Amino acid sequence: SDEVSRGLRPGLTGRLIGLPGMETARARIAEWIAEA
């Protein structure tokens, strides 16, 4: 979260970059761990 606030200028979002953010990634990884 700190990295996001330091590194991104206002208005640049994951959608503009074309990738999901870490919240989505964490949820997906948690699903994989549950399946494991």
PDB file of all heavy atoms in Angstrom:
ATOM      1  N   SER A   1       0.824  -1.204   0.000  1.00  0.00           N
ATOM      2  CA  SER A   1       0.000   0.000   0.000  1.00  0.00           C
ATOM      3  C   SER A   1       0.858   1.253   0.000  1.00  0.00           C
ATOM      4  O   SER A   1       0.584   2.221  -0.703  1.00  0.00           O
ATOM      5  CB  SER A   1      -0.923   0.001   1.234  1.00  0.00           C
ATOM      6  OG  SER A   1      -1.817  -1.087   1.176  1.00  0.00           O
ATOM      7  N   ASP A   2       1.928   1.222   0.794  1.00  0.00           N
ATOM      8  CA  ASP A   2       2.829   2.365   0.826  1.00  0.00           C
ATOM      9  C   ASP A   2       3.491   2.574  -0.528  1.00  0.00           C
ATOM     10  O   ASP A   2       3.685   3.687  -0.988  1.00  0.00           O
ATOM     11  CB  ASP A   2       3.914   2.149   1.897  1.00  0.00           C
ATOM     12  CG  ASP A   2       3.337   2.236   3.310  1.00  0.00           C
ATOM     13  OD1 ASP A   2       2.177   2.681   3.438  1.00  0.00           O
ATOM     14  OD2 ASP A   2       4.043   1.843   4.252  1.00  0.00           O
ATOM     15  N   GLU A   3       3.837   1.451  -1.183  1.00  0.00           N
ATOM     16  CA  GLU A   3       4.485   1.557  -2.488  1.00  0.00           C
ATOM     17  C   GLU A   3       3.555   2.211  -3.497  1.00  0.00           C
ATOM     18  O   GLU A   3       3.976   3.004  -4.341  1.00  0.00           O
ATOM     19  CB  GLU A   3       4.897   0.164  -2.979  1.00  0.00           C
ATOM     20  CG  GLU A   3       5.631   0.165  -4.296  1.00  0.00           C
ATOM     21  CD  GLU A   3       6.945   0.905  -4.239  1.00  0.00           C
ATOM     22  OE1 GLU A   3       7.577   0.913  -3.175  1.00  0.00           O
ATOM     23  OE2 GLU A   3       7.329   1.494  -5.259  1.00  0.00           O
ATOM     24  N   VAL A   4       2.275   1.856  -3.428  1.00  0.00           N
ATOM     25  CA  VAL A   4       1.308   2.457  -4.339  1.00  0.00           C
ATOM     26  C   VAL A   4       1.271   3.960  -4.144  1.00  0.00           C
ATOM     27  O   VAL A   4       1.286   4.744  -5.088  1.00  0.00           O
ATOM     28  CB  VAL A   4      -0.097   1.850  -4.124  1.00  0.00           C
ATOM     29  CG1 VAL A   4      -1.132   2.642  -4.896  1.00  0.00           C
ATOM     30  CG2 VAL A   4      -0.117   0.396  -4.570  1.00  0.00           C
ATOM     31  N   SER A   5       1.226   4.402  -2.899  1.00  0.00           N
ATOM     32  CA  SER A   5       1.122   5.835  -2.635  1.00  0.00           C
ATOM     33  C   SER A   5       2.395   6.569  -3.026  1.00  0.00           C
ATOM     34  O   SER A   5       2.357   7.722  -3.437  1.00  0.00           O
ATOM     35  CB  SER A   5       0.811   6.065  -1.147  1.00  0.00           C
ATOM     36  OG  SER A   5       1.880   5.610  -0.333  1.00  0.00           O
ATOM     37  N   ARG A   6       3.551   5.875  -2.928  1.00  0.00           N
ATOM     38  CA  ARG A   6       4.804   6.536  -3.280  1.00  0.00           C
ATOM     39  C   ARG A   6       5.057   6.546  -4.777  1.00  0.00           C
ATOM     40  O   ARG A   6       5.551   7.496  -5.344  1.00  0.00           O
ATOM     41  CB  ARG A   6       5.994   5.817  -2.605  1.00  0.00           C
ATOM     42  CG  ARG A   6       6.058   5.983  -1.113  1.00  0.00           C
ATOM     43  CD  ARG A   6       7.445   5.563  -0.624  1.00  0.00           C
ATOM     44  NE  ARG A   6       7.755   4.192  -0.996  1.00  0.00           N
ATOM     45  CZ  ARG A   6       7.507   3.145  -0.231  1.00  0.00           C
ATOM     46  NH1 ARG A   6       6.905   3.301   0.925  1.00  0.00           N
ATOM     47  NH2 ARG A   6       7.845   1.934  -0.628  1.00  0.00           N
ATOM     48  N   GLY A   7       4.709   5.431  -5.444  1.00  0.00           N
ATOM     49  CA  GLY A   7       5.167   5.243  -6.806  1.00  0.00           C
ATOM     50  C   GLY A   7       4.219   5.681  -7.897  1.00  0.00           C
ATOM     51  O   GLY A   7       4.653   5.932  -9.016  1.00  0.00           O
ATOM     52  N   LEU A   8       2.935   5.773  -7.631  1.00  0.00           N
ATOM     53  CA  LEU A   8       1.994   6.090  -8.693  1.00  0.00           C
ATOM     54  C   LEU A   8       1.520   7.523  -8.592  1.00  0.00           C
ATOM     55  O   LEU A   8       1.178   8.003  -7.522  1.00  0.00           O
ATOM     56  CB  LEU A   8       0.775   5.159  -8.616  1.00  0.00           C
ATOM     57  CG  LEU A   8       1.012   3.689  -8.978  1.00  0.00           C
ATOM     58  CD1 LEU A   8      -0.292   2.926  -8.836  1.00  0.00           C
ATOM     59  CD2 LEU A   8       1.519   3.570 -10.388  1.00  0.00           C
ATOM     60  N   ARG A   9       1.488   8.191  -9.724  1.00  0.00           N
ATOM     61  CA  ARG A   9       0.942   9.535  -9.719  1.00  0.00           C
ATOM     62  C   ARG A   9      -0.578   9.441  -9.597  1.00  0.00           C
ATOM     63  O   ARG A   9      -1.176   8.426  -9.960  1.00  0.00           O
ATOM     64  CB  ARG A   9       1.342  10.285 -10.987  1.00  0.00           C
ATOM     65  CG  ARG A   9       0.709   9.762 -12.260  1.00  0.00           C
ATOM     66  CD  ARG A   9       1.190  10.568 -13.446  1.00  0.00           C
ATOM     67  NE  ARG A   9       0.605  10.127 -14.690  1.00  0.00           N
ATOM     68  CZ  ARG A   9      -0.572  10.513 -15.147  1.00  0.00           C
ATOM     69  NH1 ARG A   9      -1.321  11.346 -14.438  1.00  0.00           N
ATOM     70  NH2 ARG A   9      -1.032  10.073 -16.294  1.00  0.00           N
ATOM     71  N   PRO A  10      -1.263  10.466  -9.125  1.00  0.00           N
ATOM     72  CA  PRO A  10      -2.714  10.433  -8.997  1.00  0.00           C
ATOM     73  C   PRO A  10      -3.371  10.126 -10.332  1.00  0.00           C
ATOM     74  O   PRO A  10      -3.017  10.676 -11.364  1.00  0.00           O
ATOM     75  CB  PRO A  10      -3.052  11.846  -8.504  1.00  0.00           C
ATOM     76  CG  PRO A  10      -1.804  12.320  -7.835  1.00  0.00           C
ATOM     77  CD  PRO A  10      -0.678  11.717  -8.621  1.00  0.00           C
ATOM     78  N   GLY A  11      -4.342   9.230 -10.309  1.00  0.00           N
ATOM     79  CA  GLY A  11      -5.113   8.924 -11.500  1.00  0.00           C
ATOM     80  C   GLY A  11      -4.636   7.705 -12.256  1.00  0.00           C
ATOM     81  O   GLY A  11      -5.349   7.150 -13.070  1.00  0.00           O
ATOM     82  N   LEU A  12      -3.388   7.231 -12.005  1.00  0.00           N
ATOM     83  CA  LEU A  12      -2.909   6.031 -12.681  1.00  0.00           C
ATOM     84  C   LEU A  12      -3.404   4.819 -11.917  1.00  0.00           C
ATOM     85  O   LEU A  12      -3.049   4.614 -10.761  1.00  0.00           O
ATOM     86  CB  LEU A  12      -1.383   6.018 -12.750  1.00  0.00           C
ATOM     87  CG  LEU A  12      -0.778   4.820 -13.497  1.00  0.00           C
ATOM     88  CD1 LEU A  12      -1.263   4.784 -14.931  1.00  0.00           C
ATOM     89  CD2 LEU A  12       0.728   4.862 -13.451  1.00  0.00           C
ATOM     90  N   THR A  13      -4.224   4.023 -12.538  1.00  0.00           N
ATOM     91  CA  THR A  13      -4.830   2.875 -11.885  1.00  0.00           C
ATOM     92  C   THR A  13      -4.396   1.598 -12.549  1.00  0.00           C
ATOM     93  O   THR A  13      -3.815   1.591 -13.623  1.00  0.00           O
ATOM     94  CB  THR A  13      -6.364   2.960 -11.963  1.00  0.00           C
ATOM     95  OG1 THR A  13      -6.747   2.852 -13.342  1.00  0.00           O
ATOM     96  CG2 THR A  13      -6.870   4.260 -11.385  1.00  0.00           C
ATOM     97  N   GLY A  14      -4.697   0.465 -11.856  1.00  0.00           N
ATOM     98  CA  GLY A  14      -4.391  -0.838 -12.425  1.00  0.00           C
ATOM     99  C   GLY A  14      -5.083  -1.041 -13.755  1.00  0.00           C
ATOM    100  O   GLY A  14      -4.569  -1.720 -14.639  1.00  0.00           O
ATOM    101  N   ARG A  15      -6.272  -0.447 -13.944  1.00  0.00           N
ATOM    102  CA  ARG A  15      -6.991  -0.616 -15.198  1.00  0.00           C
ATOM    103  C   ARG A  15      -6.222   0.013 -16.349  1.00  0.00           C
ATOM    104  O   ARG A  15      -6.156  -0.532 -17.451  1.00  0.00           O
ATOM    105  CB  ARG A  15      -8.381   0.014 -15.101  1.00  0.00           C
ATOM    106  CG  ARG A  15      -9.236  -0.239 -16.338  1.00  0.00           C
ATOM    107  CD  ARG A  15     -10.562   0.456 -16.240  1.00  0.00           C
ATOM    108  NE  ARG A  15     -10.425   1.903 -16.237  1.00  0.00           N
ATOM    109  CZ  ARG A  15     -10.234   2.630 -17.341  1.00  0.00           C
ATOM    110  NH1 ARG A  15     -10.133   2.042 -18.513  1.00  0.00           N
ATOM    111  NH2 ARG A  15     -10.121   3.935 -17.273  1.00  0.00           N
ATOM    112  N   LEU A  16      -5.614   1.192 -16.097  1.00  0.00           N
ATOM    113  CA  LEU A  16      -4.847   1.840 -17.157  1.00  0.00           C
ATOM    114  C   LEU A  16      -3.602   1.038 -17.504  1.00  0.00           C
ATOM    115  O   LEU A  16      -3.174   1.008 -18.648  1.00  0.00           O
ATOM    116  CB  LEU A  16      -4.459   3.257 -16.739  1.00  0.00           C
ATOM    117  CG  LEU A  16      -5.625   4.260 -16.606  1.00  0.00           C
ATOM    118  CD1 LEU A  16      -5.099   5.597 -16.115  1.00  0.00           C
ATOM    119  CD2 LEU A  16      -6.342   4.428 -17.931  1.00  0.00           C
ATOM    120  N   ILE A  17      -3.011   0.388 -16.513  1.00  0.00           N
ATOM    121  CA  ILE A  17      -1.852  -0.452 -16.767  1.00  0.00           C
ATOM    122  C   ILE A  17      -2.287  -1.767 -17.386  1.00  0.00           C
ATOM    123  O   ILE A  17      -1.538  -2.417 -18.094  1.00  0.00           O
ATOM    124  CB  ILE A  17      -1.066  -0.688 -15.450  1.00  0.00           C
ATOM    125  CG1 ILE A  17      -0.443   0.633 -14.991  1.00  0.00           C
ATOM    126  CG2 ILE A  17       0.007  -1.736 -15.616  1.00  0.00           C
ATOM    127  CD1 ILE A  17       0.283   0.539 -13.696  1.00  0.00           C
ATOM    128  N   GLY A  18      -3.523  -2.169 -17.144  1.00  0.00           N
ATOM    129  CA  GLY A  18      -4.043  -3.394 -17.724  1.00  0.00           C
ATOM    130  C   GLY A  18      -3.882  -4.620 -16.862  1.00  0.00           C
ATOM    131  O   GLY A  18      -3.999  -5.742 -17.351  1.00  0.00           O
ATOM    132  N   LEU A  19      -3.576  -4.434 -15.569  1.00  0.00           N
ATOM    133  CA  LEU A  19      -3.380  -5.561 -14.667  1.00  0.00           C
ATOM    134  C   LEU A  19      -4.227  -5.408 -13.409  1.00  0.00           C
ATOM    135  O   LEU A  19      -4.526  -4.287 -12.986  1.00  0.00           O
ATOM    136  CB  LEU A  19      -1.908  -5.654 -14.241  1.00  0.00           C
ATOM    137  CG  LEU A  19      -0.873  -5.959 -15.310  1.00  0.00           C
ATOM    138  CD1 LEU A  19       0.518  -5.962 -14.696  1.00  0.00           C
ATOM    139  CD2 LEU A  19      -1.147  -7.294 -15.970  1.00  0.00           C
ATOM    140  N   PRO A  20      -4.593  -6.517 -12.783  1.00  0.00           N
ATOM    141  CA  PRO A  20      -5.246  -6.425 -11.473  1.00  0.00           C
ATOM    142  C   PRO A  20      -4.264  -5.958 -10.418  1.00  0.00           C
ATOM    143  O   PRO A  20      -3.038  -6.012 -10.614  1.00  0.00           O
ATOM    144  CB  PRO A  20      -5.699  -7.873 -11.211  1.00  0.00           C
ATOM    145  CG  PRO A  20      -4.745  -8.705 -11.993  1.00  0.00           C
ATOM    146  CD  PRO A  20      -4.432  -7.907 -13.235  1.00  0.00           C
ATOM    147  N   GLY A  21      -4.790  -5.496  -9.293  1.00  0.00           N
ATOM    148  CA  GLY A  21      -3.948  -5.073  -8.184  1.00  0.00           C
ATOM    149  C   GLY A  21      -3.654  -6.221  -7.237  1.00  0.00           C
ATOM    150  O   GLY A  21      -4.067  -7.361  -7.440  1.00  0.00           O
ATOM    151  N   MET A  22      -2.968  -5.895  -6.151  1.00  0.00           N
ATOM    152  CA  MET A  22      -2.537  -6.929  -5.218  1.00  0.00           C
ATOM    153  C   MET A  22      -3.705  -7.552  -4.460  1.00  0.00           C
ATOM    154  O   MET A  22      -3.638  -8.718  -4.071  1.00  0.00           O
ATOM    155  CB  MET A  22      -1.518  -6.350  -4.235  1.00  0.00           C
ATOM    156  CG  MET A  22      -0.149  -6.146  -4.836  1.00  0.00           C
ATOM    157  SD  MET A  22       0.548  -7.667  -5.553  1.00  0.00           S
ATOM    158  CE  MET A  22       0.615  -8.704  -4.096  1.00  0.00           C
ATOM    159  N   GLU A  23      -4.773  -6.797  -4.254  1.00  0.00           N
ATOM    160  CA  GLU A  23      -5.915  -7.370  -3.553  1.00  0.00           C
ATOM    161  C   GLU A  23      -6.489  -8.546  -4.338  1.00  0.00           C
ATOM    162  O   GLU A  23      -6.792  -9.615  -3.785  1.00  0.00           O
ATOM    163  CB  GLU A  23      -6.993  -6.306  -3.338  1.00  0.00           C
ATOM    164  CG  GLU A  23      -8.187  -6.803  -2.534  1.00  0.00           C
ATOM    165  CD  GLU A  23      -9.200  -5.703  -2.263  1.00  0.00           C
ATOM    166  OE1 GLU A  23      -8.886  -4.523  -2.516  1.00  0.00           O
ATOM    167  OE2 GLU A  23     -10.302  -6.034  -1.786  1.00  0.00           O
ATOM    168  N   THR A  24      -6.631  -8.361  -5.640  1.00  0.00           N
ATOM    169  CA  THR A  24      -7.113  -9.453  -6.499  1.00  0.00           C
ATOM    170  C   THR A  24      -6.128 -10.610  -6.513  1.00  0.00           C
ATOM    171  O   THR A  24      -6.516 -11.783  -6.453  1.00  0.00           O
ATOM    172  CB  THR A  24      -7.330  -8.941  -7.931  1.00  0.00           C
ATOM    173  OG1 THR A  24      -8.299  -7.901  -7.914  1.00  0.00           O
ATOM    174  CG2 THR A  24      -7.808 -10.060  -8.845  1.00  0.00           C
ATOM    175  N   ALA A  25      -4.837 -10.289  -6.582  1.00  0.00           N
ATOM    176  CA  ALA A  25      -3.820 -11.341  -6.611  1.00  0.00           C
ATOM    177  C   ALA A  25      -3.833 -12.153  -5.318  1.00  0.00           C
ATOM    178  O   ALA A  25      -3.733 -13.386  -5.347  1.00  0.00           O
ATOM    179  CB  ALA A  25      -2.440 -10.723  -6.838  1.00  0.00           C
ATOM    180  N   ARG A  26      -3.936 -11.475  -4.185  1.00  0.00           N
ATOM    181  CA  ARG A  26      -3.955 -12.179  -2.899  1.00  0.00           C
ATOM    182  C   ARG A  26      -5.142 -13.124  -2.824  1.00  0.00           C
ATOM    183  O   ARG A  26      -5.038 -14.257  -2.333  1.00  0.00           O
ATOM    184  CB  ARG A  26      -4.005 -11.194  -1.740  1.00  0.00           C
ATOM    185  CG  ARG A  26      -2.723 -10.389  -1.540  1.00  0.00           C
ATOM    186  CD  ARG A  26      -2.801  -9.497  -0.314  1.00  0.00           C
ATOM    187  NE  ARG A  26      -2.664 -10.272   0.906  1.00  0.00           N
ATOM    188  CZ  ARG A  26      -3.669 -10.645   1.695  1.00  0.00           C
ATOM    189  NH1 ARG A  26      -4.919 -10.351   1.362  1.00  0.00           N
ATOM    190  NH2 ARG A  26      -3.440 -11.322   2.792  1.00  0.00           N
ATOM    191  N   ALA A  27      -6.299 -12.667  -3.313  1.00  0.00           N
ATOM    192  CA  ALA A  27      -7.498 -13.510  -3.275  1.00  0.00           C
ATOM    193  C   ALA A  27      -7.316 -14.750  -4.150  1.00  0.00           C
ATOM    194  O   ALA A  27      -7.699 -15.864  -3.756  1.00  0.00           O
ATOM    195  CB  ALA A  27      -8.715 -12.709  -3.728  1.00  0.00           C
ATOM    196  N   ARG A  28      -6.704 -14.563  -5.325  1.00  0.00           N
ATOM    197  CA  ARG A  28      -6.496 -15.694  -6.224  1.00  0.00           C
ATOM    198  C   ARG A  28      -5.522 -16.701  -5.598  1.00  0.00           C
ATOM    199  O   ARG A  28      -5.738 -17.917  -5.665  1.00  0.00           O
ATOM    200  CB  ARG A  28      -5.936 -15.187  -7.552  1.00  0.00           C
ATOM    201  CG  ARG A  28      -5.700 -16.266  -8.594  1.00  0.00           C
ATOM    202  CD  ARG A  28      -6.990 -16.717  -9.250  1.00  0.00           C
ATOM    203  NE  ARG A  28      -7.658 -15.596  -9.861  1.00  0.00           N
ATOM    204  CZ  ARG A  28      -7.374 -15.119 -11.071  1.00  0.00           C
ATOM    205  NH1 ARG A  28      -6.416 -15.674 -11.785  1.00  0.00           N
ATOM    206  NH2 ARG A  28      -8.060 -14.103 -11.559  1.00  0.00           N
ATOM    207  N   ILE A  29      -4.438 -16.194  -5.018  1.00  0.00           N
ATOM    208  CA  ILE A  29      -3.455 -17.085  -4.399  1.00  0.00           C
ATOM    209  C   ILE A  29      -4.073 -17.833  -3.225  1.00  0.00           C
ATOM    210  O   ILE A  29      -3.807 -19.023  -3.015  1.00  0.00           O
ATOM    211  CB  ILE A  29      -2.218 -16.283  -3.959  1.00  0.00           C
ATOM    212  CG1 ILE A  29      -1.507 -15.702  -5.191  1.00  0.00           C
ATOM    213  CG2 ILE A  29      -1.255 -17.153  -3.166  1.00  0.00           C
ATOM    214  CD1 ILE A  29      -0.450 -14.668  -4.861  1.00  0.00           C
ATOM    215  N   ALA A  30      -4.914 -17.143  -2.463  1.00  0.00           N
ATOM    216  CA  ALA A  30      -5.594 -17.800  -1.343  1.00  0.00           C
ATOM    217  C   ALA A  30      -6.483 -18.945  -1.839  1.00  0.00           C
ATOM    218  O   ALA A  30      -6.592 -19.998  -1.190  1.00  0.00           O
ATOM    219  CB  ALA A  30      -6.421 -16.783  -0.563  1.00  0.00           C
ATOM    220  N   GLU A  31      -7.111 -18.752  -2.993  1.00  0.00           N
ATOM    221  CA  GLU A  31      -7.922 -19.820  -3.582  1.00  0.00           C
ATOM    222  C   GLU A  31      -7.047 -21.015  -3.946  1.00  0.00           C
ATOM    223  O   GLU A  31      -7.424 -22.166  -3.719  1.00  0.00           O
ATOM    224  CB  GLU A  31      -8.649 -19.304  -4.823  1.00  0.00           C
ATOM    225  CG  GLU A  31      -9.744 -18.291  -4.538  1.00  0.00           C
ATOM    226  CD  GLU A  31     -10.349 -17.738  -5.814  1.00  0.00           C
ATOM    227  OE1 GLU A  31      -9.922 -18.180  -6.919  1.00  0.00           O
ATOM    228  OE2 GLU A  31     -11.236 -16.866  -5.729  1.00  0.00           O
ATOM    229  N   TRP A  32      -5.890 -20.747  -4.527  1.00  0.00           N
ATOM    230  CA  TRP A  32      -4.982 -21.843  -4.888  1.00  0.00           C
ATOM    231  C   TRP A  32      -4.544 -22.609  -3.647  1.00  0.00           C
ATOM    232  O   TRP A  32      -4.449 -23.834  -3.668  1.00  0.00           O
ATOM    233  CB  TRP A  32      -3.758 -21.295  -5.610  1.00  0.00           C
ATOM    234  CG  TRP A  32      -4.045 -20.717  -6.964  1.00  0.00           C
ATOM    235  CD1 TRP A  32      -5.148 -20.947  -7.740  1.00  0.00           C
ATOM    236  CD2 TRP A  32      -3.220 -19.810  -7.698  1.00  0.00           C
ATOM    237  NE1 TRP A  32      -5.070 -20.245  -8.909  1.00  0.00           N
ATOM    238  CE2 TRP A  32      -3.907 -19.538  -8.930  1.00  0.00           C
ATOM    239  CE3 TRP A  32      -2.001 -19.215  -7.475  1.00  0.00           C
ATOM    240  CZ2 TRP A  32      -3.364 -18.690  -9.884  1.00  0.00           C
ATOM    241  CZ3 TRP A  32      -1.464 -18.370  -8.435  1.00  0.00           C
ATOM    242  CH2 TRP A  32      -2.143 -18.112  -9.631  1.00  0.00           C
ATOM    243  N   ILE A  33      -4.246 -21.875  -2.568  1.00  0.00           N
ATOM    244  CA  ILE A  33      -3.810 -22.537  -1.340  1.00  0.00           C
ATOM    245  C   ILE A  33      -4.932 -23.413  -0.787  1.00  0.00           C
ATOM    246  O   ILE A  33      -4.699 -24.538  -0.317  1.00  0.00           O
ATOM    247  CB  ILE A  33      -3.366 -21.496  -0.304  1.00  0.00           C
ATOM    248  CG1 ILE A  33      -2.058 -20.814  -0.776  1.00  0.00           C
ATOM    249  CG2 ILE A  33      -3.173 -22.131   1.067  1.00  0.00           C
ATOM    250  CD1 ILE A  33      -1.596 -19.694   0.122  1.00  0.00           C
ATOM    251  N   ALA A  34      -6.175 -22.919  -0.850  1.00  0.00           N
ATOM    252  CA  ALA A  34      -7.312 -23.712  -0.382  1.00  0.00           C
ATOM    253  C   ALA A  34      -7.472 -24.977  -1.222  1.00  0.00           C
ATOM    254  O   ALA A  34      -7.750 -26.060  -0.702  1.00  0.00           O
ATOM    255  CB  ALA A  34      -8.589 -22.877  -0.423  1.00  0.00           C
ATOM    256  N   GLU A  35      -7.276 -24.848  -2.541  1.00  0.00           N
ATOM    257  CA  GLU A  35      -7.373 -26.010  -3.417  1.00  0.00           C
ATOM    258  C   GLU A  35      -6.252 -27.005  -3.149  1.00  0.00           C
ATOM    259  O   GLU A  35      -6.425 -28.212  -3.320  1.00  0.00           O
ATOM    260  CB  GLU A  35      -7.327 -25.566  -4.878  1.00  0.00           C
ATOM    261  CG  GLU A  35      -8.546 -24.753  -5.317  1.00  0.00           C
ATOM    262  CD  GLU A  35      -8.359 -24.167  -6.704  1.00  0.00           C
ATOM    263  OE1 GLU A  35      -7.274 -24.384  -7.287  1.00  0.00           O
ATOM    264  OE2 GLU A  35      -9.285 -23.494  -7.187  1.00  0.00           O
ATOM    265  N   ALA A  36      -5.099 -26.470  -2.720  1.00  0.00           N
ATOM    266  CA  ALA A  36      -3.953 -27.345  -2.461  1.00  0.00           C
ATOM    267  C   ALA A  36      -4.211 -28.295  -1.302  1.00  0.00           C
ATOM    268  O   ALA A  36      -3.537 -29.315  -1.161  1.00  0.00           O
ATOM    269  CB  ALA A  36      -2.709 -26.510  -2.181  1.00  0.00           C
TER     270      ALA A  36
END
